[in-house]
mmCIF file of all heavy atoms, coordinates in Angstrom:
data_MODEL
# 
_entry.id   MODEL 
# 
loop_
_atom_site.group_PDB 
_atom_site.id 
_atom_site.type_symbol 
_atom_site.label_atom_id 
_atom_site.label_alt_id 
_atom_site.label_comp_id 
_atom_site.label_asym_id 
_atom_site.label_entity_id 
_atom_site.label_seq_id 
_atom_site.pdbx_PDB_ins_code 
_atom_site.Cartn_x 
_atom_site.Cartn_y 
_atom_site.Cartn_z 
_atom_site.occupancy 
_atom_site.B_iso_or_equiv 
_atom_site.pdbx_formal_charge 
_atom_site.auth_seq_id 
_atom_site.auth_comp_id 
_atom_site.auth_asym_id 
_atom_site.auth_atom_id 
_atom_site.pdbx_PDB_model_num 
ATOM 1   N N   . PRO A 1 1  ? -2.474  -9.529  -7.673  1.00 0.00 ? 1  PRO A N   1 
ATOM 2   C CA  . PRO A 1 1  ? -2.663  -10.414 -6.546  1.00 0.00 ? 1  PRO A CA  1 
ATOM 3   C C   . PRO A 1 1  ? -3.919  -10.107 -5.767  1.00 0.00 ? 1  PRO A C   1 
ATOM 4   O O   . PRO A 1 1  ? -4.476  -9.009  -5.899  1.00 0.00 ? 1  PRO A O   1 
ATOM 5   C CB  . PRO A 1 1  ? -1.424  -10.157 -5.661  1.00 0.00 ? 1  PRO A CB  1 
ATOM 6   C CG  . PRO A 1 1  ? -0.802  -8.885  -6.145  1.00 0.00 ? 1  PRO A CG  1 
ATOM 7   C CD  . PRO A 1 1  ? -1.315  -8.664  -7.521  1.00 0.00 ? 1  PRO A CD  1 
ATOM 8   N N   . LEU A 1 2  ? -4.365  -11.082 -4.988  1.00 0.00 ? 2  LEU A N   1 
ATOM 9   C CA  . LEU A 1 2  ? -5.589  -10.889 -4.227  1.00 0.00 ? 2  LEU A CA  1 
ATOM 10  C C   . LEU A 1 2  ? -5.316  -10.221 -2.876  1.00 0.00 ? 2  LEU A C   1 
ATOM 11  O O   . LEU A 1 2  ? -4.307  -10.511 -2.225  1.00 0.00 ? 2  LEU A O   1 
ATOM 12  C CB  . LEU A 1 2  ? -6.273  -12.212 -3.991  1.00 0.00 ? 2  LEU A CB  1 
ATOM 13  C CG  . LEU A 1 2  ? -6.684  -12.967 -5.210  1.00 0.00 ? 2  LEU A CG  1 
ATOM 14  C CD1 . LEU A 1 2  ? -7.331  -14.303 -4.839  1.00 0.00 ? 2  LEU A CD1 1 
ATOM 15  C CD2 . LEU A 1 2  ? -7.609  -12.186 -6.101  1.00 0.00 ? 2  LEU A CD2 1 
ATOM 16  N N   . ASN A 1 3  ? -6.203  -9.355  -2.460  1.00 0.00 ? 3  ASN A N   1 
ATOM 17  C CA  . ASN A 1 3  ? -6.174  -8.788  -1.146  1.00 0.00 ? 3  ASN A CA  1 
ATOM 18  C C   . ASN A 1 3  ? -6.519  -9.866  -0.129  1.00 0.00 ? 3  ASN A C   1 
ATOM 19  O O   . ASN A 1 3  ? -7.607  -10.455 -0.258  1.00 0.00 ? 3  ASN A O   1 
ATOM 20  C CB  . ASN A 1 3  ? -7.122  -7.618  -1.093  1.00 0.00 ? 3  ASN A CB  1 
ATOM 21  C CG  . ASN A 1 3  ? -7.219  -6.970  0.236   1.00 0.00 ? 3  ASN A CG  1 
ATOM 22  O OD1 . ASN A 1 3  ? -7.036  -7.585  1.314   1.00 0.00 ? 3  ASN A OD1 1 
ATOM 23  N ND2 . ASN A 1 3  ? -7.487  -5.673  0.275   1.00 0.00 ? 3  ASN A ND2 1 
ATOM 24  N N   . PRO A 1 4  ? -5.666  -10.209 0.791   1.00 0.00 ? 4  PRO A N   1 
ATOM 25  C CA  . PRO A 1 4  ? -5.954  -11.306 1.720   1.00 0.00 ? 4  PRO A CA  1 
ATOM 26  C C   . PRO A 1 4  ? -7.146  -11.025 2.648   1.00 0.00 ? 4  PRO A C   1 
ATOM 27  O O   . PRO A 1 4  ? -7.732  -11.943 3.205   1.00 0.00 ? 4  PRO A O   1 
ATOM 28  C CB  . PRO A 1 4  ? -4.657  -11.488 2.533   1.00 0.00 ? 4  PRO A CB  1 
ATOM 29  C CG  . PRO A 1 4  ? -3.952  -10.191 2.398   1.00 0.00 ? 4  PRO A CG  1 
ATOM 30  C CD  . PRO A 1 4  ? -4.343  -9.614  1.080   1.00 0.00 ? 4  PRO A CD  1 
ATOM 31  N N   . LEU A 1 5  ? -7.524  -9.778  2.778   1.00 0.00 ? 5  LEU A N   1 
ATOM 32  C CA  . LEU A 1 5  ? -8.645  -9.430  3.631   1.00 0.00 ? 5  LEU A CA  1 
ATOM 33  C C   . LEU A 1 5  ? -9.977  -9.513  2.961   1.00 0.00 ? 5  LEU A C   1 
ATOM 34  O O   . LEU A 1 5  ? -10.979 -9.854  3.532   1.00 0.00 ? 5  LEU A O   1 
ATOM 35  C CB  . LEU A 1 5  ? -8.471  -8.000  4.205   1.00 0.00 ? 5  LEU A CB  1 
ATOM 36  C CG  . LEU A 1 5  ? -7.211  -7.792  5.043   1.00 0.00 ? 5  LEU A CG  1 
ATOM 37  C CD1 . LEU A 1 5  ? -7.120  -6.306  5.442   1.00 0.00 ? 5  LEU A CD1 1 
ATOM 38  C CD2 . LEU A 1 5  ? -7.188  -8.709  6.233   1.00 0.00 ? 5  LEU A CD2 1 
ATOM 39  N N   . THR A 1 6  ? -9.993  -9.234  1.636   1.00 0.00 ? 6  THR A N   1 
ATOM 40  C CA  . THR A 1 6  ? -11.262 -9.226  0.882   1.00 0.00 ? 6  THR A CA  1 
ATOM 41  C C   . THR A 1 6  ? -11.379 -10.411 -0.082  1.00 0.00 ? 6  THR A C   1 
ATOM 42  O O   . THR A 1 6  ? -12.479 -10.747 -0.495  1.00 0.00 ? 6  THR A O   1 
ATOM 43  C CB  . THR A 1 6  ? -11.419 -7.924  0.062   1.00 0.00 ? 6  THR A CB  1 
ATOM 44  O OG1 . THR A 1 6  ? -10.415 -7.889  -0.936  1.00 0.00 ? 6  THR A OG1 1 
ATOM 45  C CG2 . THR A 1 6  ? -11.301 -6.702  0.972   1.00 0.00 ? 6  THR A CG2 1 
ATOM 46  N N   . GLY A 1 7  ? -10.227 -10.978 -0.466  1.00 0.00 ? 7  GLY A N   1 
ATOM 47  C CA  . GLY A 1 7  ? -10.231 -12.052 -1.459  1.00 0.00 ? 7  GLY A CA  1 
ATOM 48  C C   . GLY A 1 7  ? -10.419 -11.536 -2.866  1.00 0.00 ? 7  GLY A C   1 
ATOM 49  O O   . GLY A 1 7  ? -10.498 -12.301 -3.841  1.00 0.00 ? 7  GLY A O   1 
ATOM 50  N N   . LYS A 1 8  ? -10.448 -10.214 -3.025  1.00 0.00 ? 8  LYS A N   1 
ATOM 51  C CA  . LYS A 1 8  ? -10.596 -9.549  -4.356  1.00 0.00 ? 8  LYS A CA  1 
ATOM 52  C C   . LYS A 1 8  ? -9.255  -9.032  -4.812  1.00 0.00 ? 8  LYS A C   1 
ATOM 53  O O   . LYS A 1 8  ? -8.373  -8.781  -4.012  1.00 0.00 ? 8  LYS A O   1 
ATOM 54  C CB  . LYS A 1 8  ? -11.640 -8.432  -4.235  1.00 0.00 ? 8  LYS A CB  1 
ATOM 55  C CG  . LYS A 1 8  ? -13.029 -8.921  -3.890  1.00 0.00 ? 8  LYS A CG  1 
ATOM 56  C CD  . LYS A 1 8  ? -13.971 -7.775  -3.757  1.00 0.00 ? 8  LYS A CD  1 
ATOM 57  C CE  . LYS A 1 8  ? -15.359 -8.315  -3.349  1.00 0.00 ? 8  LYS A CE  1 
ATOM 58  N NZ  . LYS A 1 8  ? -16.309 -7.248  -3.155  1.00 0.00 ? 8  LYS A NZ  1 
ATOM 59  N N   . PRO A 1 9  ? -9.128  -8.829  -6.109  1.00 0.00 ? 9  PRO A N   1 
ATOM 60  C CA  . PRO A 1 9  ? -7.861  -8.241  -6.612  1.00 0.00 ? 9  PRO A CA  1 
ATOM 61  C C   . PRO A 1 9  ? -7.522  -6.876  -5.971  1.00 0.00 ? 9  PRO A C   1 
ATOM 62  O O   . PRO A 1 9  ? -8.441  -6.086  -5.700  1.00 0.00 ? 9  PRO A O   1 
ATOM 63  C CB  . PRO A 1 9  ? -8.095  -8.062  -8.131  1.00 0.00 ? 9  PRO A CB  1 
ATOM 64  C CG  . PRO A 1 9  ? -9.151  -9.063  -8.428  1.00 0.00 ? 9  PRO A CG  1 
ATOM 65  C CD  . PRO A 1 9  ? -10.051 -9.105  -7.188  1.00 0.00 ? 9  PRO A CD  1 
ATOM 66  N N   . ILE A 1 10 ? -6.250  -6.627  -5.705  1.00 0.00 ? 10 ILE A N   1 
ATOM 67  C CA  . ILE A 1 10 ? -5.860  -5.326  -5.141  1.00 0.00 ? 10 ILE A CA  1 
ATOM 68  C C   . ILE A 1 10 ? -6.255  -4.235  -6.104  1.00 0.00 ? 10 ILE A C   1 
ATOM 69  O O   . ILE A 1 10 ? -6.342  -4.438  -7.306  1.00 0.00 ? 10 ILE A O   1 
ATOM 70  C CB  . ILE A 1 10 ? -4.340  -5.271  -4.853  1.00 0.00 ? 10 ILE A CB  1 
ATOM 71  C CG1 . ILE A 1 10 ? -3.560  -5.436  -6.132  1.00 0.00 ? 10 ILE A CG1 1 
ATOM 72  C CG2 . ILE A 1 10 ? -3.933  -6.301  -3.804  1.00 0.00 ? 10 ILE A CG2 1 
ATOM 73  C CD1 . ILE A 1 10 ? -2.168  -4.864  -6.108  1.00 0.00 ? 10 ILE A CD1 1 
ATOM 74  N N   . ASP A 1 11 ? -6.525  -3.079  -5.528  1.00 0.00 ? 11 ASP A N   1 
ATOM 75  C CA  . ASP A 1 11 ? -6.908  -1.949  -6.359  1.00 0.00 ? 11 ASP A CA  1 
ATOM 76  C C   . ASP A 1 11 ? -6.092  -0.728  -6.104  1.00 0.00 ? 11 ASP A C   1 
ATOM 77  O O   . ASP A 1 11 ? -6.402  0.386   -6.583  1.00 0.00 ? 11 ASP A O   1 
ATOM 78  C CB  . ASP A 1 11 ? -8.410  -1.644  -6.230  1.00 0.00 ? 11 ASP A CB  1 
ATOM 79  C CG  . ASP A 1 11 ? -8.805  -1.314  -4.803  1.00 0.00 ? 11 ASP A CG  1 
ATOM 80  O OD1 . ASP A 1 11 ? -7.928  -1.261  -3.906  1.00 0.00 ? 11 ASP A OD1 1 
ATOM 81  O OD2 . ASP A 1 11 ? -10.004 -1.157  -4.561  1.00 0.00 ? 11 ASP A OD2 1 
ATOM 82  N N   . SER A 1 12 ? -5.013  -0.889  -5.317  1.00 0.00 ? 12 SER A N   1 
ATOM 83  C CA  . SER A 1 12 ? -4.101  0.228   -5.086  1.00 0.00 ? 12 SER A CA  1 
ATOM 84  C C   . SER A 1 12 ? -2.670  -0.299  -4.933  1.00 0.00 ? 12 SER A C   1 
ATOM 85  O O   . SER A 1 12 ? -2.529  -1.480  -4.592  1.00 0.00 ? 12 SER A O   1 
ATOM 86  C CB  . SER A 1 12 ? -4.565  1.043   -3.875  1.00 0.00 ? 12 SER A CB  1 
ATOM 87  O OG  . SER A 1 12 ? -4.453  0.253   -2.666  1.00 0.00 ? 12 SER A OG  1 
ATOM 88  N N   . TRP A 1 13 ? -1.735  0.532   -5.153  1.00 0.00 ? 13 TRP A N   1 
ATOM 89  C CA  . TRP A 1 13 ? -0.292  0.208   -5.039  1.00 0.00 ? 13 TRP A CA  1 
ATOM 90  C C   . TRP A 1 13 ? 0.461   1.517   -4.940  1.00 0.00 ? 13 TRP A C   1 
ATOM 91  O O   . TRP A 1 13 ? -0.116  2.572   -5.064  1.00 0.00 ? 13 TRP A O   1 
ATOM 92  C CB  . TRP A 1 13 ? 0.181   -0.633  -6.224  1.00 0.00 ? 13 TRP A CB  1 
ATOM 93  C CG  . TRP A 1 13 ? -0.268  -0.046  -7.556  1.00 0.00 ? 13 TRP A CG  1 
ATOM 94  C CD1 . TRP A 1 13 ? 0.340   0.945   -8.276  1.00 0.00 ? 13 TRP A CD1 1 
ATOM 95  C CD2 . TRP A 1 13 ? -1.459  -0.373  -8.240  1.00 0.00 ? 13 TRP A CD2 1 
ATOM 96  N NE1 . TRP A 1 13 ? -0.376  1.255   -9.374  1.00 0.00 ? 13 TRP A NE1 1 
ATOM 97  C CE2 . TRP A 1 13 ? -1.512  0.458   -9.412  1.00 0.00 ? 13 TRP A CE2 1 
ATOM 98  C CE3 . TRP A 1 13 ? -2.477  -1.264  -8.040  1.00 0.00 ? 13 TRP A CE3 1 
ATOM 99  C CZ2 . TRP A 1 13 ? -2.535  0.389   -10.339 1.00 0.00 ? 13 TRP A CZ2 1 
ATOM 100 C CZ3 . TRP A 1 13 ? -3.503  -1.331  -8.976  1.00 0.00 ? 13 TRP A CZ3 1 
ATOM 101 C CH2 . TRP A 1 13 ? -3.501  -0.515  -10.097 1.00 0.00 ? 13 TRP A CH2 1 
ATOM 102 N N   . TYR A 1 14 ? 1.743   1.375   -4.695  1.00 0.00 ? 14 TYR A N   1 
ATOM 103 C CA  . TYR A 1 14 ? 2.566   2.613   -4.604  1.00 0.00 ? 14 TYR A CA  1 
ATOM 104 C C   . TYR A 1 14 ? 2.782   3.195   -5.972  1.00 0.00 ? 14 TYR A C   1 
ATOM 105 O O   . TYR A 1 14 ? 3.137   2.487   -6.926  1.00 0.00 ? 14 TYR A O   1 
ATOM 106 C CB  . TYR A 1 14 ? 3.943   2.294   -3.935  1.00 0.00 ? 14 TYR A CB  1 
ATOM 107 C CG  . TYR A 1 14 ? 3.837   1.965   -2.470  1.00 0.00 ? 14 TYR A CG  1 
ATOM 108 C CD1 . TYR A 1 14 ? 3.524   0.700   -2.037  1.00 0.00 ? 14 TYR A CD1 1 
ATOM 109 C CD2 . TYR A 1 14 ? 3.961   3.004   -1.583  1.00 0.00 ? 14 TYR A CD2 1 
ATOM 110 C CE1 . TYR A 1 14 ? 3.407   0.433   -0.711  1.00 0.00 ? 14 TYR A CE1 1 
ATOM 111 C CE2 . TYR A 1 14 ? 3.808   2.725   -0.203  1.00 0.00 ? 14 TYR A CE2 1 
ATOM 112 C CZ  . TYR A 1 14 ? 3.547   1.468   0.203   1.00 0.00 ? 14 TYR A CZ  1 
ATOM 113 O OH  . TYR A 1 14 ? 3.417   1.204   1.544   1.00 0.00 ? 14 TYR A OH  1 
ATOM 114 N N   . LEU A 1 15 ? 2.487   4.443   -6.117  1.00 0.00 ? 15 LEU A N   1 
ATOM 115 C CA  . LEU A 1 15 ? 2.621   5.162   -7.375  1.00 0.00 ? 15 LEU A CA  1 
ATOM 116 C C   . LEU A 1 15 ? 4.047   5.660   -7.510  1.00 0.00 ? 15 LEU A C   1 
ATOM 117 O O   . LEU A 1 15 ? 4.819   5.640   -6.544  1.00 0.00 ? 15 LEU A O   1 
ATOM 118 C CB  . LEU A 1 15 ? 1.623   6.339   -7.420  1.00 0.00 ? 15 LEU A CB  1 
ATOM 119 C CG  . LEU A 1 15 ? 0.153   5.897   -7.317  1.00 0.00 ? 15 LEU A CG  1 
ATOM 120 C CD1 . LEU A 1 15 ? -0.724  7.163   -7.238  1.00 0.00 ? 15 LEU A CD1 1 
ATOM 121 C CD2 . LEU A 1 15 ? -0.248  5.023   -8.463  1.00 0.00 ? 15 LEU A CD2 1 
ATOM 122 N N   . PRO A 1 16 ? 4.470   6.057   -8.723  1.00 0.00 ? 16 PRO A N   1 
ATOM 123 C CA  . PRO A 1 16 ? 5.836   6.556   -8.887  1.00 0.00 ? 16 PRO A CA  1 
ATOM 124 C C   . PRO A 1 16 ? 6.211   7.628   -7.857  1.00 0.00 ? 16 PRO A C   1 
ATOM 125 O O   . PRO A 1 16 ? 5.445   8.564   -7.610  1.00 0.00 ? 16 PRO A O   1 
ATOM 126 C CB  . PRO A 1 16 ? 5.833   7.144   -10.297 1.00 0.00 ? 16 PRO A CB  1 
ATOM 127 C CG  . PRO A 1 16 ? 4.759   6.375   -11.034 1.00 0.00 ? 16 PRO A CG  1 
ATOM 128 C CD  . PRO A 1 16 ? 3.716   6.114   -9.976  1.00 0.00 ? 16 PRO A CD  1 
ATOM 129 N N   . GLY A 1 17 ? 7.368   7.409   -7.242  1.00 0.00 ? 17 GLY A N   1 
ATOM 130 C CA  . GLY A 1 17 ? 7.835   8.347   -6.235  1.00 0.00 ? 17 GLY A CA  1 
ATOM 131 C C   . GLY A 1 17 ? 7.381   8.111   -4.825  1.00 0.00 ? 17 GLY A C   1 
ATOM 132 O O   . GLY A 1 17 ? 7.913   8.670   -3.873  1.00 0.00 ? 17 GLY A O   1 
ATOM 133 N N   . GLN A 1 18 ? 6.344   7.289   -4.648  1.00 0.00 ? 18 GLN A N   1 
ATOM 134 C CA  . GLN A 1 18 ? 5.875   6.987   -3.291  1.00 0.00 ? 18 GLN A CA  1 
ATOM 135 C C   . GLN A 1 18 ? 6.748   5.941   -2.625  1.00 0.00 ? 18 GLN A C   1 
ATOM 136 O O   . GLN A 1 18 ? 7.239   4.979   -3.278  1.00 0.00 ? 18 GLN A O   1 
ATOM 137 C CB  . GLN A 1 18 ? 4.443   6.498   -3.304  1.00 0.00 ? 18 GLN A CB  1 
ATOM 138 C CG  . GLN A 1 18 ? 3.421   7.547   -3.627  1.00 0.00 ? 18 GLN A CG  1 
ATOM 139 C CD  . GLN A 1 18 ? 1.977   7.056   -3.611  1.00 0.00 ? 18 GLN A CD  1 
ATOM 140 O OE1 . GLN A 1 18 ? 1.723   5.908   -3.952  1.00 0.00 ? 18 GLN A OE1 1 
ATOM 141 N NE2 . GLN A 1 18 ? 1.098   7.853   -3.163  1.00 0.00 ? 18 GLN A NE2 1 
ATOM 142 N N   . THR A 1 19 ? 6.905   6.026   -1.335  1.00 0.00 ? 19 THR A N   1 
ATOM 143 C CA  . THR A 1 19 ? 7.621   5.049   -0.533  1.00 0.00 ? 19 THR A CA  1 
ATOM 144 C C   . THR A 1 19 ? 6.811   4.754   0.730   1.00 0.00 ? 19 THR A C   1 
ATOM 145 O O   . THR A 1 19 ? 5.876   5.449   1.047   1.00 0.00 ? 19 THR A O   1 
ATOM 146 C CB  . THR A 1 19 ? 9.027   5.614   -0.077  1.00 0.00 ? 19 THR A CB  1 
ATOM 147 O OG1 . THR A 1 19 ? 8.793   6.742   0.783   1.00 0.00 ? 19 THR A OG1 1 
ATOM 148 C CG2 . THR A 1 19 ? 9.869   5.979   -1.282  1.00 0.00 ? 19 THR A CG2 1 
ATOM 149 N N   . TRP A 1 20 ? 7.224   3.653   1.401   1.00 0.00 ? 20 TRP A N   1 
ATOM 150 C CA  . TRP A 1 20 ? 6.516   3.269   2.627   1.00 0.00 ? 20 TRP A CA  1 
ATOM 151 C C   . TRP A 1 20 ? 6.515   4.409   3.625   1.00 0.00 ? 20 TRP A C   1 
ATOM 152 O O   . TRP A 1 20 ? 5.465   4.789   4.146   1.00 0.00 ? 20 TRP A O   1 
ATOM 153 C CB  . TRP A 1 20 ? 7.235   2.031   3.240   1.00 0.00 ? 20 TRP A CB  1 
ATOM 154 C CG  . TRP A 1 20 ? 6.851   1.662   4.609   1.00 0.00 ? 20 TRP A CG  1 
ATOM 155 C CD1 . TRP A 1 20 ? 7.564   1.994   5.741   1.00 0.00 ? 20 TRP A CD1 1 
ATOM 156 C CD2 . TRP A 1 20 ? 5.710   0.941   5.024   1.00 0.00 ? 20 TRP A CD2 1 
ATOM 157 N NE1 . TRP A 1 20 ? 6.899   1.487   6.859   1.00 0.00 ? 20 TRP A NE1 1 
ATOM 158 C CE2 . TRP A 1 20 ? 5.754   0.819   6.439   1.00 0.00 ? 20 TRP A CE2 1 
ATOM 159 C CE3 . TRP A 1 20 ? 4.672   0.328   4.349   1.00 0.00 ? 20 TRP A CE3 1 
ATOM 160 C CZ2 . TRP A 1 20 ? 4.815   0.190   7.145   1.00 0.00 ? 20 TRP A CZ2 1 
ATOM 161 C CZ3 . TRP A 1 20 ? 3.690   -0.291  5.101   1.00 0.00 ? 20 TRP A CZ3 1 
ATOM 162 C CH2 . TRP A 1 20 ? 3.760   -0.358  6.488   1.00 0.00 ? 20 TRP A CH2 1 
ATOM 163 N N   . THR A 1 21 ? 7.693   4.989   3.916   1.00 0.00 ? 21 THR A N   1 
ATOM 164 C CA  . THR A 1 21 ? 7.750   6.078   4.870   1.00 0.00 ? 21 THR A CA  1 
ATOM 165 C C   . THR A 1 21 ? 7.099   7.345   4.361   1.00 0.00 ? 21 THR A C   1 
ATOM 166 O O   . THR A 1 21 ? 6.548   8.125   5.168   1.00 0.00 ? 21 THR A O   1 
ATOM 167 C CB  . THR A 1 21 ? 9.196   6.361   5.342   1.00 0.00 ? 21 THR A CB  1 
ATOM 168 O OG1 . THR A 1 21 ? 9.994   6.555   4.154   1.00 0.00 ? 21 THR A OG1 1 
ATOM 169 C CG2 . THR A 1 21 ? 9.788   5.206   6.103   1.00 0.00 ? 21 THR A CG2 1 
ATOM 170 N N   . GLY A 1 22 ? 7.130   7.562   3.077   1.00 0.00 ? 22 GLY A N   1 
ATOM 171 C CA  . GLY A 1 22 ? 6.475   8.749   2.546   1.00 0.00 ? 22 GLY A CA  1 
ATOM 172 C C   . GLY A 1 22 ? 4.982   8.702   2.648   1.00 0.00 ? 22 GLY A C   1 
ATOM 173 O O   . GLY A 1 22 ? 4.305   9.706   2.908   1.00 0.00 ? 22 GLY A O   1 
ATOM 174 N N   . VAL A 1 23 ? 4.395   7.512   2.488   1.00 0.00 ? 23 VAL A N   1 
ATOM 175 C CA  . VAL A 1 23 ? 2.990   7.334   2.565   1.00 0.00 ? 23 VAL A CA  1 
ATOM 176 C C   . VAL A 1 23 ? 2.504   7.311   4.031   1.00 0.00 ? 23 VAL A C   1 
ATOM 177 O O   . VAL A 1 23 ? 1.521   7.983   4.387   1.00 0.00 ? 23 VAL A O   1 
ATOM 178 C CB  . VAL A 1 23 ? 2.509   6.080   1.837   1.00 0.00 ? 23 VAL A CB  1 
ATOM 179 C CG1 . VAL A 1 23 ? 1.071   5.765   2.066   1.00 0.00 ? 23 VAL A CG1 1 
ATOM 180 C CG2 . VAL A 1 23 ? 2.755   6.212   0.328   1.00 0.00 ? 23 VAL A CG2 1 
ATOM 181 N N   . PHE A 1 24 ? 3.205   6.556   4.893   1.00 0.00 ? 24 PHE A N   1 
ATOM 182 C CA  . PHE A 1 24 ? 2.716   6.374   6.270   1.00 0.00 ? 24 PHE A CA  1 
ATOM 183 C C   . PHE A 1 24 ? 3.336   7.334   7.227   1.00 0.00 ? 24 PHE A C   1 
ATOM 184 O O   . PHE A 1 24 ? 2.967   7.386   8.420   1.00 0.00 ? 24 PHE A O   1 
ATOM 185 C CB  . PHE A 1 24 ? 2.909   4.928   6.687   1.00 0.00 ? 24 PHE A CB  1 
ATOM 186 C CG  . PHE A 1 24 ? 2.000   3.993   5.957   1.00 0.00 ? 24 PHE A CG  1 
ATOM 187 C CD1 . PHE A 1 24 ? 2.403   3.303   4.838   1.00 0.00 ? 24 PHE A CD1 1 
ATOM 188 C CD2 . PHE A 1 24 ? 0.678   3.838   6.416   1.00 0.00 ? 24 PHE A CD2 1 
ATOM 189 C CE1 . PHE A 1 24 ? 1.522   2.452   4.176   1.00 0.00 ? 24 PHE A CE1 1 
ATOM 190 C CE2 . PHE A 1 24 ? -0.193  3.001   5.758   1.00 0.00 ? 24 PHE A CE2 1 
ATOM 191 C CZ  . PHE A 1 24 ? 0.224   2.294   4.628   1.00 0.00 ? 24 PHE A CZ  1 
ATOM 192 N N   . GLU A 1 25 ? 4.339   8.078   6.793   1.00 0.00 ? 25 GLU A N   1 
ATOM 193 C CA  . GLU A 1 25 ? 4.979   9.114   7.569   1.00 0.00 ? 25 GLU A CA  1 
ATOM 194 C C   . GLU A 1 25 ? 5.362   8.648   8.994   1.00 0.00 ? 25 GLU A C   1 
ATOM 195 O O   . GLU A 1 25 ? 6.068   7.647   9.159   1.00 0.00 ? 25 GLU A O   1 
ATOM 196 C CB  . GLU A 1 25 ? 4.143   10.387  7.639   1.00 0.00 ? 25 GLU A CB  1 
ATOM 197 C CG  . GLU A 1 25 ? 3.928   10.965  6.204   1.00 0.00 ? 25 GLU A CG  1 
ATOM 198 C CD  . GLU A 1 25 ? 3.016   12.149  6.169   1.00 0.00 ? 25 GLU A CD  1 
ATOM 199 O OE1 . GLU A 1 25 ? 2.200   12.328  7.101   1.00 0.00 ? 25 GLU A OE1 1 
ATOM 200 O OE2 . GLU A 1 25 ? 3.101   12.886  5.183   1.00 0.00 ? 25 GLU A OE2 1 
ATOM 201 N N   . ASP A 1 26 ? 4.904   9.310   10.026  1.00 0.00 ? 26 ASP A N   1 
ATOM 202 C CA  . ASP A 1 26 ? 5.270   9.015   11.417  1.00 0.00 ? 26 ASP A CA  1 
ATOM 203 C C   . ASP A 1 26 ? 4.836   7.622   11.857  1.00 0.00 ? 26 ASP A C   1 
ATOM 204 O O   . ASP A 1 26 ? 5.377   7.081   12.791  1.00 0.00 ? 26 ASP A O   1 
ATOM 205 C CB  . ASP A 1 26 ? 4.682   10.052  12.352  1.00 0.00 ? 26 ASP A CB  1 
ATOM 206 C CG  . ASP A 1 26 ? 5.332   11.414  12.194  1.00 0.00 ? 26 ASP A CG  1 
ATOM 207 O OD1 . ASP A 1 26 ? 6.421   11.504  11.579  1.00 0.00 ? 26 ASP A OD1 1 
ATOM 208 O OD2 . ASP A 1 26 ? 4.750   12.395  12.665  1.00 0.00 ? 26 ASP A OD2 1 
ATOM 209 N N   . LEU A 1 27 ? 3.829   7.060   11.229  1.00 0.00 ? 27 LEU A N   1 
ATOM 210 C CA  . LEU A 1 27 ? 3.342   5.721   11.637  1.00 0.00 ? 27 LEU A CA  1 
ATOM 211 C C   . LEU A 1 27 ? 4.123   4.585   10.994  1.00 0.00 ? 27 LEU A C   1 
ATOM 212 O O   . LEU A 1 27 ? 3.984   3.438   11.418  1.00 0.00 ? 27 LEU A O   1 
ATOM 213 C CB  . LEU A 1 27 ? 1.896   5.584   11.226  1.00 0.00 ? 27 LEU A CB  1 
ATOM 214 C CG  . LEU A 1 27 ? 0.866   6.335   12.047  1.00 0.00 ? 27 LEU A CG  1 
ATOM 215 C CD1 . LEU A 1 27 ? -0.547  6.123   11.502  1.00 0.00 ? 27 LEU A CD1 1 
ATOM 216 C CD2 . LEU A 1 27 ? 0.923   5.901   13.516  1.00 0.00 ? 27 LEU A CD2 1 
ATOM 217 N N   . ALA A 1 28 ? 4.981   4.868   10.003  1.00 0.00 ? 28 ALA A N   1 
ATOM 218 C CA  . ALA A 1 28 ? 5.646   3.835   9.293   1.00 0.00 ? 28 ALA A CA  1 
ATOM 219 C C   . ALA A 1 28 ? 6.463   2.864   10.152  1.00 0.00 ? 28 ALA A C   1 
ATOM 220 O O   . ALA A 1 28 ? 6.285   1.638   10.048  1.00 0.00 ? 28 ALA A O   1 
ATOM 221 C CB  . ALA A 1 28 ? 6.555   4.407   8.169   1.00 0.00 ? 28 ALA A CB  1 
ATOM 222 N N   . THR A 1 29 ? 7.275   3.378   11.015  1.00 0.00 ? 29 THR A N   1 
ATOM 223 C CA  . THR A 1 29 ? 8.098   2.531   11.872  1.00 0.00 ? 29 THR A CA  1 
ATOM 224 C C   . THR A 1 29 ? 7.216   1.732   12.860  1.00 0.00 ? 29 THR A C   1 
ATOM 225 O O   . THR A 1 29 ? 7.467   0.544   13.091  1.00 0.00 ? 29 THR A O   1 
ATOM 226 C CB  . THR A 1 29 ? 9.143   3.377   12.591  1.00 0.00 ? 29 THR A CB  1 
ATOM 227 O OG1 . THR A 1 29 ? 9.929   4.061   11.672  1.00 0.00 ? 29 THR A OG1 1 
ATOM 228 C CG2 . THR A 1 29 ? 9.991   2.500   13.516  1.00 0.00 ? 29 THR A CG2 1 
# 
């Protein structure tokens, strides 16, 4: 899918074992 900010294809995603709260930690909520 395209990145809505750049109009270019996404180049990152959650890797195996990563979660929203695991990546963003205290800022997630």
